[in-house]
Amino acid sequence: MVANKGNEKTEEANEGLGYDITAFLPGKHEEKVKLERAVSNRFKDKNDNLIKFVFENVTSERLEELRKDCTKRIPKGRGRQPEEKFDSDKFQALLALESTVYPDFSAKELLDAYKSPSALEVAKKVLSVPGDYMNWIAAASEANGFDDEIDDETEAIEAAKN
């Protein structure tokens, strides 16, 4: 009962400030963010238009799984705590792979054409130009919301300069 009274006070305070808690209820917000981005000027369709890659965000739960997959525990010796080493390059590549809807790097046709059992290796071969690969990583990060704050901050700095 006491916690409920606190909640009522919070709801009243939020209403007074114009906050609407219903925006956070299931089904009231976008679960998936879709982003289309040309990551290279090398891939063109029949009409010579740049082909856009399609990205969708992963869930927070999946992000945690990827982080764990990219973290190794390294023993430090008898009686000492093991050290954790995070492989950020592997993490970014796996996040990009998981976020890429199109092209599907795990498609049998691509795996066979590049003679690789690994979708990540296919992605690296397709995006063999370093700039293309980095654009792919950046687009996947953007689809997952990692650059939103940076863009806002940059815009604020530019506005302050002018």
Protein backbone atom coordinates (compact mmCIF):
# COMPACT_ATOMS: atom_id res chain seq x y z
CA MET A 1 0.00 0.00 0.00
CA VAL A 2 2.79 2.43 0.86
CA ALA A 3 4.52 1.79 -2.47
CA ASN A 4 1.24 2.44 -4.24
CA LYS A 5 0.92 5.86 -2.58
CA GLY A 6 4.42 6.69 -3.78
CA ASN A 7 3.46 5.67 -7.29
CA GLU A 8 0.37 7.89 -7.17
CA LYS A 9 2.55 10.83 -6.11
CA THR A 10 5.00 10.10 -8.93
CA GLU A 11 2.18 9.83 -11.47
CA GLU A 12 0.71 13.14 -10.23
CA ALA A 13 4.12 14.80 -10.42
CA ASN A 14 4.68 13.44 -13.93
CA GLU A 15 1.24 14.60 -15.05
CA GLY A 16 2.01 18.04 -13.67
CA LEU A 17 5.20 18.12 -15.76
CA GLY A 18 3.44 16.89 -18.87
CA TYR A 19 5.03 13.42 -18.86
CA ASP A 20 3.03 10.59 -20.39
CA ILE A 21 4.05 7.20 -18.99
CA THR A 22 1.84 5.36 -21.48
CA ALA A 23 4.49 5.88 -24.18
CA PHE A 24 6.55 3.20 -22.40
CA LEU A 25 3.84 0.54 -22.37
CA PRO A 26 4.24 -2.53 -24.62
CA GLY A 27 3.06 -1.86 -28.15
CA LYS A 28 3.22 1.93 -27.76
CA HIS A 29 6.70 2.41 -29.17
CA GLU A 30 8.79 1.08 -32.05
CA GLU A 31 10.42 -2.22 -31.21
CA LYS A 32 12.55 -2.32 -34.37
CA VAL A 33 14.33 0.59 -35.96
CA LYS A 34 14.89 0.14 -39.68
CA LEU A 35 17.69 1.97 -41.48
CA GLU A 36 18.57 1.89 -45.16
CA ARG A 37 22.05 3.06 -46.08
CA ALA A 38 24.36 2.75 -49.08
CA VAL A 39 27.65 1.69 -47.51
CA SER A 40 29.59 1.65 -50.78
CA ASN A 41 29.46 3.19 -54.21
CA ARG A 42 30.68 -0.14 -55.68
CA PHE A 43 27.31 -1.94 -55.46
CA LYS A 44 24.77 -0.79 -58.06
CA ASP A 45 21.55 -2.22 -59.44
CA LYS A 46 20.66 -2.68 -63.12
CA ASN A 47 19.72 1.00 -63.41
CA ASP A 48 23.07 2.13 -61.98
CA ASN A 49 21.49 3.18 -58.65
CA LEU A 50 23.41 2.58 -55.44
CA ILE A 51 22.16 -0.48 -53.58
CA LYS A 52 21.18 0.29 -50.01
CA PHE A 53 21.84 -2.13 -47.20
CA VAL A 54 18.95 -2.62 -44.77
CA PHE A 55 19.64 -2.66 -41.02
CA GLU A 56 17.49 -3.32 -37.97
CA ASN A 57 18.43 -2.96 -34.33
CA VAL A 58 19.05 -5.97 -32.11
CA THR A 59 17.42 -6.36 -28.72
CA SER A 60 19.21 -5.37 -25.52
CA GLU A 61 19.23 -9.02 -24.53
CA ARG A 62 20.97 -10.00 -27.77
CA LEU A 63 23.44 -7.15 -27.33
CA GLU A 64 24.42 -8.59 -23.93
CA GLU A 65 24.89 -12.03 -25.48
CA LEU A 66 27.19 -10.53 -28.12
CA ARG A 67 29.17 -8.69 -25.44
CA LYS A 68 29.63 -11.93 -23.51
CA ASP A 69 30.66 -13.77 -26.68
CA CYS A 70 33.35 -11.13 -27.26
CA THR A 71 34.73 -11.19 -23.72
CA LYS A 72 37.42 -13.66 -22.73
CA ARG A 73 38.55 -14.51 -19.23
CA ILE A 74 42.33 -14.78 -19.10
CA PRO A 75 43.81 -16.58 -16.08
CA LYS A 76 46.39 -14.48 -14.23
CA GLY A 77 47.93 -17.23 -12.15
CA ARG A 78 47.24 -19.22 -9.09
CA GLY A 79 45.07 -17.44 -6.56
CA ARG A 80 44.63 -14.31 -8.67
CA GLN A 81 41.49 -13.00 -10.29
CA PRO A 82 41.30 -13.70 -14.04
CA GLU A 83 41.44 -10.68 -16.31
CA GLU A 84 38.58 -9.98 -18.72
CA LYS A 85 39.52 -8.89 -22.23
CA PHE A 86 36.85 -7.42 -24.52
CA ASP A 87 37.37 -7.74 -28.29
CA SER A 88 35.67 -4.58 -29.57
CA ASP A 89 36.47 -5.27 -33.24
CA LYS A 90 34.79 -8.67 -33.07
CA PHE A 91 31.85 -7.15 -31.19
CA GLN A 92 31.31 -4.42 -33.79
CA ALA A 93 31.53 -6.95 -36.64
CA LEU A 94 29.07 -9.35 -34.99
CA LEU A 95 26.69 -6.50 -34.18
CA ALA A 96 26.83 -5.35 -37.81
CA LEU A 97 26.24 -8.90 -39.04
CA GLU A 98 23.27 -9.38 -36.69
CA SER A 99 21.82 -5.99 -37.66
CA THR A 100 22.11 -6.47 -41.42
CA VAL A 101 18.82 -7.60 -42.93
CA TYR A 102 19.90 -7.07 -46.56
CA PRO A 103 22.09 -8.37 -47.96
CA ASP A 104 21.80 -11.62 -46.05
CA PHE A 105 25.44 -12.63 -45.74
CA SER A 106 24.36 -16.07 -44.53
CA ALA A 107 22.50 -16.79 -47.79
CA LYS A 108 23.62 -20.11 -49.27
CA GLU A 109 24.29 -18.44 -52.62
CA LEU A 110 26.78 -16.00 -51.05
CA LEU A 111 28.39 -18.63 -48.82
CA ASP A 112 28.93 -20.87 -51.85
CA ALA A 113 30.13 -18.04 -54.12
CA TYR A 114 32.75 -16.90 -51.59
CA LYS A 115 33.57 -20.50 -50.57
CA SER A 116 33.11 -19.76 -46.89
CA PRO A 117 30.98 -21.36 -44.16
CA SER A 118 31.01 -18.09 -42.20
CA ALA A 119 28.60 -15.21 -42.85
CA LEU A 120 31.06 -12.85 -41.18
CA GLU A 121 33.87 -13.93 -43.51
CA VAL A 122 31.53 -13.41 -46.48
CA ALA A 123 30.72 -9.90 -45.23
CA LYS A 124 34.44 -9.14 -44.94
CA LYS A 125 35.07 -10.40 -48.48
CA VAL A 126 32.12 -8.48 -49.96
CA LEU A 127 33.18 -5.34 -48.10
CA SER A 128 36.87 -5.79 -48.91
CA VAL A 129 37.53 -2.06 -49.29
CA PRO A 130 38.29 -0.79 -45.76
CA GLY A 131 36.07 2.28 -46.13
CA ASP A 132 33.10 0.12 -47.17
CA TYR A 133 33.65 -2.16 -44.18
CA MET A 134 33.83 0.80 -41.79
CA ASN A 135 30.71 2.37 -43.34
CA TRP A 136 28.92 -0.94 -42.74
CA ILE A 137 30.02 -0.99 -39.09
CA ALA A 138 28.96 2.67 -38.65
CA ALA A 139 25.53 2.11 -40.24
CA ALA A 140 24.87 -0.89 -37.97
CA SER A 141 25.89 1.18 -34.94
CA GLU A 142 23.51 3.93 -36.04
CA ALA A 143 20.66 1.41 -36.48
CA ASN A 144 21.26 0.35 -32.88
CA GLY A 145 21.18 3.93 -31.59
CA PHE A 146 24.86 4.25 -30.70
CA ASP A 147 25.49 7.51 -32.51
CA ASP A 148 22.31 9.43 -31.59
CA GLU A 149 23.93 11.34 -28.73
CA ILE A 150 27.05 12.09 -30.76
CA ASP A 151 24.99 13.62 -33.58
CA ASP A 152 22.97 15.75 -31.15
CA GLU A 153 26.13 16.88 -29.38
CA THR A 154 27.86 17.74 -32.68
CA GLU A 155 24.86 19.75 -33.83
CA ALA A 156 24.81 21.64 -30.52
CA ILE A 157 28.53 22.43 -30.82
CA GLU A 158 28.12 23.62 -34.43
CA ALA A 159 25.13 25.77 -33.46
CA ALA A 160 27.13 27.30 -30.61
CA LYS A 161 30.01 28.13 -32.98
CA ASN A 162 27.70 29.95 -35.36
